[in-house]
Amino acid sequence: MSQPRHPASTAEELSRDFVELEKLIHSLPDDHRRRLEPVFDRVADGARRRRRILNLVQEALSQLRLDMKYLLFDLEATRRERDSYRSQQEGDQS
């Protein structure tokens, strides 16, 4: 019986079900294992890729939320400055 081919750091990216499935595949006889390993590798790579994409999207959303907070802060400050300027202009005209 051979050892799983994916390093421990990669196993952290996969769910427990993937890790368990990989162990089960590696416990199979050689002919069955050789047929299943390529399919498992493709599925595991797809899962890792989707997880990376999800992480990137989550980071982008977090950055967008932060940017929106800054924009709202700037908008409110601009509105206060505008209102203050209008008050000064109306005071000067009286």
C-alpha atoms as a PDB file:
ATOM      1  CA  MET A   1       0.000   0.000   0.000  1.00  0.00           C
ATOM      2  CA  SER A   2       1.435   3.366  -1.009  1.00  0.00           C
ATOM      3  CA  GLN A   3       1.130   6.662   0.825  1.00  0.00           C
ATOM      4  CA  PRO A   4      -1.187   9.447  -0.334  1.00  0.00           C
ATOM      5  CA  ARG A   5       0.536  11.627  -2.903  1.00  0.00           C
ATOM      6  CA  HIS A   6      -0.730  14.985  -1.666  1.00  0.00           C
ATOM      7  CA  PRO A   7       1.440  16.723   0.954  1.00  0.00           C
ATOM      8  CA  ALA A   8      -0.023  17.677   4.342  1.00  0.00           C
ATOM      9  CA  SER A   9      -0.232  21.383   3.426  1.00  0.00           C
ATOM     10  CA  THR A  10      -2.349  20.440   0.430  1.00  0.00           C
ATOM     11  CA  ALA A  11      -4.517  18.201   2.588  1.00  0.00           C
ATOM     12  CA  GLU A  12      -5.414  21.283   4.634  1.00  0.00           C
ATOM     13  CA  GLU A  13      -6.965  22.747   1.480  1.00  0.00           C
ATOM     14  CA  LEU A  14      -9.153  19.685   0.989  1.00  0.00           C
ATOM     15  CA  SER A  15     -12.098  18.616   3.070  1.00  0.00           C
ATOM     16  CA  ARG A  16     -11.876  15.625   5.386  1.00  0.00           C
ATOM     17  CA  ASP A  17     -13.978  13.691   2.888  1.00  0.00           C
ATOM     18  CA  PHE A  18     -11.339  14.178   0.208  1.00  0.00           C
ATOM     19  CA  VAL A  19      -8.578  13.089   2.556  1.00  0.00           C
ATOM     20  CA  GLU A  20     -10.567  10.048   3.622  1.00  0.00           C
ATOM     21  CA  LEU A  21     -11.353   9.179   0.000  1.00  0.00           C
ATOM     22  CA  GLU A  22      -7.684   9.497  -0.905  1.00  0.00           C
ATOM     23  CA  LYS A  23      -6.727   7.099   1.885  1.00  0.00           C
ATOM     24  CA  LEU A  24      -9.360   4.630   0.736  1.00  0.00           C
ATOM     25  CA  ILE A  25      -8.143   4.825  -2.857  1.00  0.00           C
ATOM     26  CA  HIS A  26      -4.590   4.172  -1.719  1.00  0.00           C
ATOM     27  CA  SER A  27      -5.720   1.096   0.179  1.00  0.00           C
ATOM     28  CA  LEU A  28      -7.159  -0.454  -3.001  1.00  0.00           C
ATOM     29  CA  PRO A  29      -5.289  -3.021  -5.105  1.00  0.00           C
ATOM     30  CA  ASP A  30      -2.835  -1.487  -7.591  1.00  0.00           C
ATOM     31  CA  ASP A  31      -4.962  -1.926 -10.712  1.00  0.00           C
ATOM     32  CA  HIS A  32      -8.007  -0.213  -9.154  1.00  0.00           C
ATOM     33  CA  ARG A  33      -5.882   2.479  -7.541  1.00  0.00           C
ATOM     34  CA  ARG A  34      -4.152   3.356 -10.828  1.00  0.00           C
ATOM     35  CA  ARG A  35      -7.545   3.810 -12.507  1.00  0.00           C
ATOM     36  CA  LEU A  36      -8.977   5.991  -9.733  1.00  0.00           C
ATOM     37  CA  GLU A  37      -5.966   8.171  -8.875  1.00  0.00           C
ATOM     38  CA  PRO A  38      -6.071  10.372 -12.009  1.00  0.00           C
ATOM     39  CA  VAL A  39      -9.778  11.028 -11.555  1.00  0.00           C
ATOM     40  CA  PHE A  40      -9.301  11.810  -7.868  1.00  0.00           C
ATOM     41  CA  ASP A  41      -6.390  14.138  -8.679  1.00  0.00           C
ATOM     42  CA  ARG A  42      -8.516  16.099 -11.188  1.00  0.00           C
ATOM     43  CA  VAL A  43     -11.393  16.410  -8.736  1.00  0.00           C
ATOM     44  CA  ALA A  44      -9.047  17.424  -5.886  1.00  0.00           C
ATOM     45  CA  ASP A  45      -7.328  20.005  -8.106  1.00  0.00           C
ATOM     46  CA  GLY A  46     -10.719  21.444  -9.052  1.00  0.00           C
ATOM     47  CA  ALA A  47     -11.706  21.649  -5.374  1.00  0.00           C
ATOM     48  CA  ARG A  48      -8.439  23.419  -4.509  1.00  0.00           C
ATOM     49  CA  ARG A  49      -8.896  25.838  -7.399  1.00  0.00           C
ATOM     50  CA  ARG A  50     -12.473  26.618  -6.324  1.00  0.00           C
ATOM     51  CA  ARG A  51     -11.304  27.168  -2.744  1.00  0.00           C
ATOM     52  CA  ARG A  52      -8.585  29.584  -3.940  1.00  0.00           C
ATOM     53  CA  ILE A  53     -11.114  31.450  -6.089  1.00  0.00           C
ATOM     54  CA  LEU A  54     -13.541  31.632  -3.170  1.00  0.00           C
ATOM     55  CA  ASN A  55     -10.795  33.040  -0.936  1.00  0.00           C
ATOM     56  CA  LEU A  56      -9.925  35.653  -3.568  1.00  0.00           C
ATOM     57  CA  VAL A  57     -13.576  36.648  -3.915  1.00  0.00           C
ATOM     58  CA  GLN A  58     -13.947  36.918  -0.131  1.00  0.00           C
ATOM     59  CA  GLU A  59     -10.839  39.111   0.074  1.00  0.00           C
ATOM     60  CA  ALA A  60     -12.108  41.286  -2.769  1.00  0.00           C
ATOM     61  CA  LEU A  61     -15.479  41.678  -1.044  1.00  0.00           C
ATOM     62  CA  SER A  62     -13.779  42.638   2.203  1.00  0.00           C
ATOM     63  CA  GLN A  63     -11.719  45.242   0.371  1.00  0.00           C
ATOM     64  CA  LEU A  64     -14.835  46.525  -1.392  1.00  0.00           C
ATOM     65  CA  ARG A  65     -16.646  46.900   1.937  1.00  0.00           C
ATOM     66  CA  LEU A  66     -13.717  48.857   3.347  1.00  0.00           C
ATOM     67  CA  ASP A  67     -13.542  51.046   0.241  1.00  0.00           C
ATOM     68  CA  MET A  68     -17.284  51.714   0.518  1.00  0.00           C
ATOM     69  CA  LYS A  69     -16.856  52.827   4.143  1.00  0.00           C
ATOM     70  CA  TYR A  70     -14.119  55.258   3.087  1.00  0.00           C
ATOM     71  CA  LEU A  71     -16.276  56.553   0.229  1.00  0.00           C
ATOM     72  CA  LEU A  72     -19.259  57.105   2.520  1.00  0.00           C
ATOM     73  CA  PHE A  73     -17.010  58.897   5.010  1.00  0.00           C
ATOM     74  CA  ASP A  74     -15.666  61.127   2.212  1.00  0.00           C
ATOM     75  CA  LEU A  75     -19.192  61.782   0.930  1.00  0.00           C
ATOM     76  CA  GLU A  76     -20.413  62.856   4.356  1.00  0.00           C
ATOM     77  CA  ALA A  77     -17.373  65.088   4.836  1.00  0.00           C
ATOM     78  CA  THR A  78     -17.967  66.659   1.410  1.00  0.00           C
ATOM     79  CA  ARG A  79     -21.628  67.262   2.244  1.00  0.00           C
ATOM     80  CA  ARG A  80     -20.670  68.916   5.543  1.00  0.00           C
ATOM     81  CA  GLU A  81     -18.149  71.124   3.721  1.00  0.00           C
ATOM     82  CA  ARG A  82     -20.765  72.050   1.112  1.00  0.00           C
ATOM     83  CA  ASP A  83     -23.348  72.898   3.757  1.00  0.00           C
ATOM     84  CA  SER A  84     -20.818  74.950   5.670  1.00  0.00           C
ATOM     85  CA  TYR A  85     -19.829  76.820   2.514  1.00  0.00           C
ATOM     86  CA  ARG A  86     -23.491  77.500   1.677  1.00  0.00           C
ATOM     87  CA  SER A  87     -24.079  78.828   5.187  1.00  0.00           C
ATOM     88  CA  GLN A  88     -21.101  81.152   4.834  1.00  0.00           C
ATOM     89  CA  GLN A  89     -22.317  82.340   1.418  1.00  0.00           C
ATOM     90  CA  GLU A  90     -25.828  83.011   2.719  1.00  0.00           C
ATOM     91  CA  GLY A  91     -24.350  84.866   5.722  1.00  0.00           C
ATOM     92  CA  ASP A  92     -22.210  87.049   3.457  1.00  0.00           C
ATOM     93  CA  GLN A  93     -25.174  87.951   1.237  1.00  0.00           C
ATOM     94  CA  SER A  94     -27.360  89.152   4.118  1.00  0.00           C
END
